[in-house]
Protein backbone atom coordinates (compact mmCIF):
# COMPACT_ATOMS: atom_id res chain seq x y z
CA ASN A 1 236.45 -10.95 181.18
CA GLY A 2 236.40 -14.74 181.19
CA VAL A 3 234.98 -17.17 178.72
CA THR A 4 231.26 -17.76 179.18
CA ARG A 5 228.73 -20.03 177.58
CA GLU A 6 225.41 -18.79 176.37
CA PRO A 7 222.53 -20.86 177.79
CA HIS A 8 220.67 -22.89 175.24
CA ASP A 9 217.49 -24.95 175.44
CA GLY A 10 218.35 -28.62 175.47
CA ASP A 11 221.77 -28.11 177.08
CA SER A 12 223.14 -31.24 178.66
CA ASN A 13 224.75 -31.28 182.08
CA ASP A 14 228.25 -31.80 180.72
CA GLY A 15 228.53 -28.15 179.59
CA PHE A 16 228.45 -28.97 175.89
CA SER A 17 225.60 -28.13 173.56
CA SER A 18 224.94 -27.51 169.93
CA ARG A 19 225.61 -23.82 170.57
CA LEU A 20 229.28 -23.15 170.88
CA PHE A 21 230.93 -20.84 173.38
CA THR A 22 231.65 -17.12 173.52
CA ASN A 23 234.34 -14.86 174.90
CA GLY A 24 232.70 -11.45 174.95
CA SER A 25 231.80 -10.66 171.34
CA CYS A 26 233.79 -13.56 169.88
CA SER A 27 231.60 -16.56 169.05
CA TYR A 28 232.83 -20.08 168.50
CA ASN A 29 230.40 -20.59 165.66
CA LEU A 30 232.44 -22.15 162.83
CA LYS A 31 230.62 -20.12 160.14
CA GLU A 32 231.45 -16.89 161.94
CA GLU A 33 235.00 -18.09 162.50
CA LEU A 34 235.40 -18.74 158.78
CA GLN A 35 234.11 -15.28 158.00
CA SER A 36 235.99 -13.32 160.67
CA LYS A 37 239.13 -15.45 161.13
CA GLN A 38 239.28 -14.23 164.73
CA GLN A 39 241.44 -16.08 167.26
CA CYS A 40 239.48 -16.98 170.40
CA ALA A 41 240.48 -18.76 173.58
CA ILE A 42 238.96 -22.20 174.11
CA ASN A 43 236.84 -22.56 177.27
CA PRO A 44 239.08 -24.28 179.86
CA ALA A 45 235.98 -25.67 181.63
CA LEU A 46 235.27 -27.96 178.68
CA PRO A 47 236.47 -31.57 178.81
CA MET A 48 239.84 -31.92 177.06
CA ILE A 49 238.43 -33.79 174.04
CA PHE A 50 235.96 -30.98 173.30
CA ARG A 51 238.70 -28.34 173.67
CA LEU A 52 240.82 -30.27 171.16
CA ILE A 53 237.90 -30.58 168.76
CA CYS A 54 237.23 -26.82 169.02
CA LEU A 55 240.90 -26.01 168.54
CA LEU A 56 241.14 -28.31 165.54
CA GLY A 57 238.03 -26.66 164.06
CA LEU A 58 239.58 -23.21 164.45
CA VAL A 59 242.85 -24.30 162.88
CA VAL A 60 241.09 -25.99 159.95
CA ALA A 61 238.83 -22.95 159.50
CA GLY A 62 241.85 -20.66 159.33
CA GLU A 63 243.61 -22.92 156.83
CA VAL A 64 240.48 -23.16 154.66
CA MET A 65 240.17 -19.39 154.59
CA ALA A 66 243.87 -18.93 153.81
CA PHE A 67 243.59 -21.40 150.92
CA ALA A 68 240.23 -20.24 149.63
CA GLY A 69 241.07 -16.54 149.73
CA PRO A 70 238.50 -13.80 149.91
CA SER A 71 236.49 -14.77 146.85
CA PRO A 72 234.82 -18.18 146.92
CA SER A 73 233.61 -17.51 143.35
CA ARG A 74 237.17 -17.32 141.99
CA LYS A 75 237.77 -20.17 139.54
CA PRO A 76 240.28 -22.90 140.43
CA GLY A 77 243.85 -21.97 139.58
CA VAL A 78 243.30 -18.20 139.50
CA SER A 79 245.98 -16.51 141.55
CA ALA A 80 244.98 -14.27 144.45
CA PRO A 81 245.20 -10.50 143.87
CA GLU A 82 248.09 -10.19 146.36
CA VAL A 83 250.08 -12.83 144.48
CA LEU A 84 249.41 -11.12 141.16
CA LYS A 85 250.43 -7.74 142.55
CA GLU A 86 253.79 -9.10 143.78
CA PHE A 87 254.33 -10.96 140.49
CA VAL A 88 253.61 -7.84 138.40
CA GLU A 89 255.87 -5.66 140.57
CA ALA A 90 258.74 -8.17 140.42
CA ALA A 91 258.39 -8.65 136.66
CA GLY A 92 258.25 -4.95 135.82
CA GLU A 93 258.63 -4.26 132.11
CA SER A 94 259.50 -7.90 131.38
CA LEU A 95 255.94 -9.05 132.19
CA LEU A 96 253.96 -10.61 129.35
CA VAL A 97 250.18 -10.89 129.60
CA VAL A 98 248.66 -13.58 127.38
CA ASP A 99 244.98 -12.91 126.65
CA VAL A 100 243.42 -16.17 125.43
CA ARG A 101 239.97 -14.76 124.58
CA GLU A 102 238.47 -14.73 121.11
CA ALA A 103 238.15 -11.38 119.32
CA PHE A 104 234.37 -11.28 119.83
CA GLU A 105 234.85 -11.42 123.62
CA ALA A 106 236.56 -8.04 123.99
CA THR A 107 234.71 -5.75 126.33
CA GLU A 108 235.08 -2.18 127.45
CA GLU A 109 236.29 -3.44 130.85
CA GLY A 110 238.83 -5.74 129.27
CA PRO A 111 239.83 -4.84 125.72
CA LEU A 112 241.96 -7.19 123.68
CA PRO A 113 245.60 -6.17 123.28
CA SER A 114 246.47 -3.85 120.41
CA ASP A 115 249.21 -1.43 119.40
CA THR A 116 247.61 1.31 121.51
CA VAL A 117 246.01 -0.67 124.36
CA ARG A 118 247.69 -3.04 126.83
CA PRO A 119 251.27 -2.76 125.54
CA GLN A 120 252.62 -5.75 127.53
CA ALA A 121 249.88 -8.11 126.32
CA ILE A 122 249.39 -10.36 123.32
CA ASN A 123 246.34 -12.27 122.16
CA LEU A 124 246.81 -16.01 121.67
CA SER A 125 243.28 -17.42 121.57
CA TRP A 126 242.56 -20.72 123.32
CA ASP A 127 240.99 -23.18 120.87
CA ARG A 128 238.28 -24.96 122.87
CA GLU A 129 237.80 -27.73 120.33
CA ALA A 130 241.49 -28.51 119.83
CA GLY A 131 242.37 -27.92 123.48
CA ASN A 132 245.40 -25.79 122.67
CA MET A 133 246.62 -22.39 121.56
CA PRO A 134 249.47 -20.90 119.56
CA LEU A 135 252.70 -20.70 121.55
CA PRO A 136 254.60 -17.43 121.91
CA ASP A 137 257.67 -17.14 119.71
CA SER A 138 260.41 -18.70 121.87
CA GLU A 139 263.03 -16.35 120.36
CA GLU A 140 261.05 -13.34 121.58
CA VAL A 141 259.60 -14.92 124.71
CA PRO A 142 262.15 -16.89 126.74
CA PHE A 143 260.85 -19.89 128.68
CA ASP A 144 261.50 -18.17 132.05
CA LYS A 145 259.71 -14.93 131.13
CA PRO A 146 257.05 -13.89 133.70
CA ILE A 147 253.66 -14.54 132.07
CA ILE A 148 250.10 -14.00 133.26
CA THR A 149 247.42 -15.83 131.30
CA HIS A 150 243.78 -14.77 131.36
CA CYS A 151 240.44 -15.10 129.65
CA GLY A 152 237.16 -13.64 130.89
CA GLY A 153 237.13 -15.29 134.31
CA GLY A 154 239.95 -17.82 134.55
CA GLY A 155 238.81 -21.18 133.15
CA ARG A 156 240.65 -20.98 129.83
CA GLY A 157 243.35 -18.93 131.53
CA GLN A 158 244.15 -22.01 133.64
CA LYS A 159 244.12 -24.27 130.58
CA ALA A 160 246.50 -21.84 128.87
CA ARG A 161 248.77 -21.78 131.94
CA ASP A 162 248.86 -25.59 132.01
CA PHE A 163 249.54 -25.70 128.26
CA LEU A 164 252.39 -23.18 128.47
CA GLU A 165 253.97 -25.04 131.39
CA LYS A 166 253.62 -28.35 129.52
CA ASN A 167 255.51 -26.68 126.66
CA GLY A 168 258.42 -25.49 128.80
CA TYR A 169 257.36 -22.10 130.19
CA THR A 170 258.32 -21.96 133.86
CA ASN A 171 257.06 -18.65 135.26
CA VAL A 172 253.32 -18.55 134.55
CA LEU A 173 250.30 -17.46 136.63
CA ASN A 174 246.59 -17.49 135.80
CA GLY A 175 245.16 -14.01 136.40
CA GLY A 176 241.49 -14.77 135.86
CA GLY A 177 240.20 -11.88 133.76
CA PRO A 178 237.87 -8.86 133.71
CA GLU A 179 235.12 -10.84 135.50
CA ASP A 180 237.34 -10.93 138.62
CA ALA A 181 237.79 -7.22 139.30
CA GLU A 182 240.17 -7.74 142.24
CA CYS A 183 242.61 -9.66 140.07
CA TRP A 184 242.04 -7.64 136.91
CA LYS A 185 243.06 -4.38 138.56
CA GLU A 186 246.53 -5.84 139.22
CA PHE A 187 247.42 -6.50 135.56
CA GLY A 188 244.50 -5.51 133.28
CA SER A 189 246.17 -2.35 132.01
CA LYS A 190 249.45 -4.09 131.15
């Protein structure tokens, strides 16, 4: 079951064309590679420079996917669900969730913290105009306490994370919010 090349109109005689190569069902199409993250052998019949280019493309594609994670719509700075899960498990009962939404933003999917709902969470609303928020009481919340910030989808959650870190908090992640269901399920009930 060797590596074969699909014929393509306009192929040149050097064995290289705009269509990339296949090994059975594995295509060397970069888009498919990004989506499937499959590892495929490079065609040894190709000139060395083309094999290196293909290999580099596969490595870069894998790194892009590892960095980007499964959701390209996730806002910058929002931690991946796997990272949040590990963080929540490691923190246990010491976890603090900081909800930076305004009171009018509470939804059924993501209610604001209260005495009866989300016992490990507090609401410290991010002030968009001032570009800040109230800080947690440092006597009750030590600077190394594990904290997850969130808003609806992660934009203000990242600003809150940056603000907390700027003010001395050292163990902070941005969890996104109810709009990112994958992330929300890891800490939304806390």
